[in-house]
Amino acid sequence: MLGAGDSFGESHLLDGEAHPFTVRASSEVLALRFDTAAFGTPIDVYPDLQAHLRLQRKHAQLLTVFRHLPSFARLPPAALGGVAL
């Protein structure tokens, strides 16, 4: 579940591979859509942005791994997020 300030889909912008997502909102949201051409320039101009998005992706991958390990699977999401940082 995504929370305030979370994002999805940045992998496609970083590596150009297709990563289809279906997202449902349980409350009102503001969603922004960036196509690769429009997003390429900020990533090229601001290397810190690219580094931040790559770090977010690694964090999400770690959370996925931890959720599948028995020792971590029972932790509440907030605690699990702290472990992956």
C-alpha atoms as a PDB file:
ATOM      1  CA  MET A   1       0.000   0.000   0.000  1.00  0.00           C
ATOM      2  CA  LEU A   2       1.309   3.422  -0.919  1.00  0.00           C
ATOM      3  CA  GLY A   3       1.238   6.251   1.563  1.00  0.00           C
ATOM      4  CA  ALA A   4       1.594  10.006   1.381  1.00  0.00           C
ATOM      5  CA  GLY A   5       4.585  10.946  -0.762  1.00  0.00           C
ATOM      6  CA  ASP A   6       5.087   7.447  -2.191  1.00  0.00           C
ATOM      7  CA  SER A   7       5.560   6.898  -5.883  1.00  0.00           C
ATOM      8  CA  PHE A   8       5.387   4.122  -8.451  1.00  0.00           C
ATOM      9  CA  GLY A   9       6.487   3.683 -12.030  1.00  0.00           C
ATOM     10  CA  GLU A  10       9.875   5.373 -11.737  1.00  0.00           C
ATOM     11  CA  SER A  11      11.637   2.187 -12.872  1.00  0.00           C
ATOM     12  CA  HIS A  12      10.329   2.705 -16.388  1.00  0.00           C
ATOM     13  CA  LEU A  13      11.646   6.250 -16.404  1.00  0.00           C
ATOM     14  CA  LEU A  14      15.066   5.088 -15.208  1.00  0.00           C
ATOM     15  CA  ASP A  15      15.618   2.007 -17.358  1.00  0.00           C
ATOM     16  CA  GLY A  16      13.119   2.340 -20.204  1.00  0.00           C
ATOM     17  CA  GLU A  17      11.646  -1.127 -19.632  1.00  0.00           C
ATOM     18  CA  ALA A  18       7.898  -1.641 -19.463  1.00  0.00           C
ATOM     19  CA  HIS A  19       6.586  -2.014 -15.916  1.00  0.00           C
ATOM     20  CA  PRO A  20       2.779  -2.010 -16.156  1.00  0.00           C
ATOM     21  CA  PHE A  21       0.936  -1.055 -12.978  1.00  0.00           C
ATOM     22  CA  THR A  22      -2.654  -1.002 -11.881  1.00  0.00           C
ATOM     23  CA  VAL A  23      -3.300   1.385  -9.034  1.00  0.00           C
ATOM     24  CA  ARG A  24      -6.508   1.879  -7.072  1.00  0.00           C
ATOM     25  CA  ALA A  25      -7.105   4.700  -4.623  1.00  0.00           C
ATOM     26  CA  SER A  26      -9.128   4.287  -1.459  1.00  0.00           C
ATOM     27  CA  SER A  27      -9.316   8.058  -1.005  1.00  0.00           C
ATOM     28  CA  GLU A  28      -8.780  11.213  -3.025  1.00  0.00           C
ATOM     29  CA  VAL A  29      -5.330  11.390  -4.651  1.00  0.00           C
ATOM     30  CA  LEU A  30      -3.330  13.654  -6.897  1.00  0.00           C
ATOM     31  CA  ALA A  31      -1.650  11.544  -9.566  1.00  0.00           C
ATOM     32  CA  LEU A  32       0.868  12.884 -12.045  1.00  0.00           C
ATOM     33  CA  ARG A  33       1.807  11.151 -15.269  1.00  0.00           C
ATOM     34  CA  PHE A  34       5.177  11.757 -16.902  1.00  0.00           C
ATOM     35  CA  ASP A  35       6.135  10.306 -20.233  1.00  0.00           C
ATOM     36  CA  THR A  36       9.731   9.254 -20.798  1.00  0.00           C
ATOM     37  CA  ALA A  37      10.520  12.115 -23.182  1.00  0.00           C
ATOM     38  CA  ALA A  38       9.346  14.778 -20.732  1.00  0.00           C
ATOM     39  CA  PHE A  39      11.053  13.150 -17.763  1.00  0.00           C
ATOM     40  CA  GLY A  40      14.392  12.462 -19.444  1.00  0.00           C
ATOM     41  CA  THR A  41      15.571  16.050 -19.297  1.00  0.00           C
ATOM     42  CA  PRO A  42      15.198  16.562 -15.513  1.00  0.00           C
ATOM     43  CA  ILE A  43      16.978  13.260 -14.842  1.00  0.00           C
ATOM     44  CA  ASP A  44      19.834  14.294 -17.127  1.00  0.00           C
ATOM     45  CA  VAL A  45      20.061  17.825 -15.731  1.00  0.00           C
ATOM     46  CA  TYR A  46      19.687  16.872 -12.046  1.00  0.00           C
ATOM     47  CA  PRO A  47      21.787  13.778 -11.277  1.00  0.00           C
ATOM     48  CA  ASP A  48      20.608  13.921  -7.645  1.00  0.00           C
ATOM     49  CA  LEU A  49      17.058  13.252  -8.844  1.00  0.00           C
ATOM     50  CA  GLN A  50      18.196  10.147 -10.686  1.00  0.00           C
ATOM     51  CA  ALA A  51      20.152   8.977  -7.621  1.00  0.00           C
ATOM     52  CA  HIS A  52      17.104   9.554  -5.406  1.00  0.00           C
ATOM     53  CA  LEU A  53      14.814   7.573  -7.712  1.00  0.00           C
ATOM     54  CA  ARG A  54      17.323   4.709  -7.887  1.00  0.00           C
ATOM     55  CA  LEU A  55      17.531   4.668  -4.082  1.00  0.00           C
ATOM     56  CA  GLN A  56      13.727   4.572  -3.853  1.00  0.00           C
ATOM     57  CA  ARG A  57      13.699   1.604  -6.222  1.00  0.00           C
ATOM     58  CA  LYS A  58      16.288  -0.268  -4.130  1.00  0.00           C
ATOM     59  CA  HIS A  59      14.286   0.445  -0.985  1.00  0.00           C
ATOM     60  CA  ALA A  60      11.131  -0.965  -2.588  1.00  0.00           C
ATOM     61  CA  GLN A  61      13.036  -4.076  -3.698  1.00  0.00           C
ATOM     62  CA  LEU A  62      14.348  -4.600  -0.165  1.00  0.00           C
ATOM     63  CA  LEU A  63      10.853  -4.271   1.271  1.00  0.00           C
ATOM     64  CA  THR A  64       9.636  -6.952  -1.133  1.00  0.00           C
ATOM     65  CA  VAL A  65      12.417  -9.320  -0.071  1.00  0.00           C
ATOM     66  CA  PHE A  66      11.794  -8.696   3.633  1.00  0.00           C
ATOM     67  CA  ARG A  67       8.048  -9.286   3.265  1.00  0.00           C
ATOM     68  CA  HIS A  68       8.796 -12.808   2.019  1.00  0.00           C
ATOM     69  CA  LEU A  69      11.257 -13.753   4.776  1.00  0.00           C
ATOM     70  CA  PRO A  70       9.542 -15.489   7.716  1.00  0.00           C
ATOM     71  CA  SER A  71      11.526 -13.516  10.319  1.00  0.00           C
ATOM     72  CA  PHE A  72      10.297 -10.200   8.910  1.00  0.00           C
ATOM     73  CA  ALA A  73       6.888 -11.115   7.444  1.00  0.00           C
ATOM     74  CA  ARG A  74       4.989 -10.501  10.701  1.00  0.00           C
ATOM     75  CA  LEU A  75       6.422  -7.034  11.293  1.00  0.00           C
ATOM     76  CA  PRO A  76       4.027  -4.101  10.829  1.00  0.00           C
ATOM     77  CA  PRO A  77       4.666  -2.071   7.658  1.00  0.00           C
ATOM     78  CA  ALA A  78       6.180   0.881   9.542  1.00  0.00           C
ATOM     79  CA  ALA A  79       8.719  -1.366  11.285  1.00  0.00           C
ATOM     80  CA  LEU A  80       9.515  -3.153   8.051  1.00  0.00           C
ATOM     81  CA  GLY A  81      10.164   0.188   6.353  1.00  0.00           C
ATOM     82  CA  GLY A  82      12.612   1.070   9.124  1.00  0.00           C
ATOM     83  CA  VAL A  83      14.520  -2.173   8.614  1.00  0.00           C
ATOM     84  CA  ALA A  84      14.887  -1.555   4.876  1.00  0.00           C
ATOM     85  CA  LEU A  85      16.299   1.951   5.305  1.00  0.00           C
END
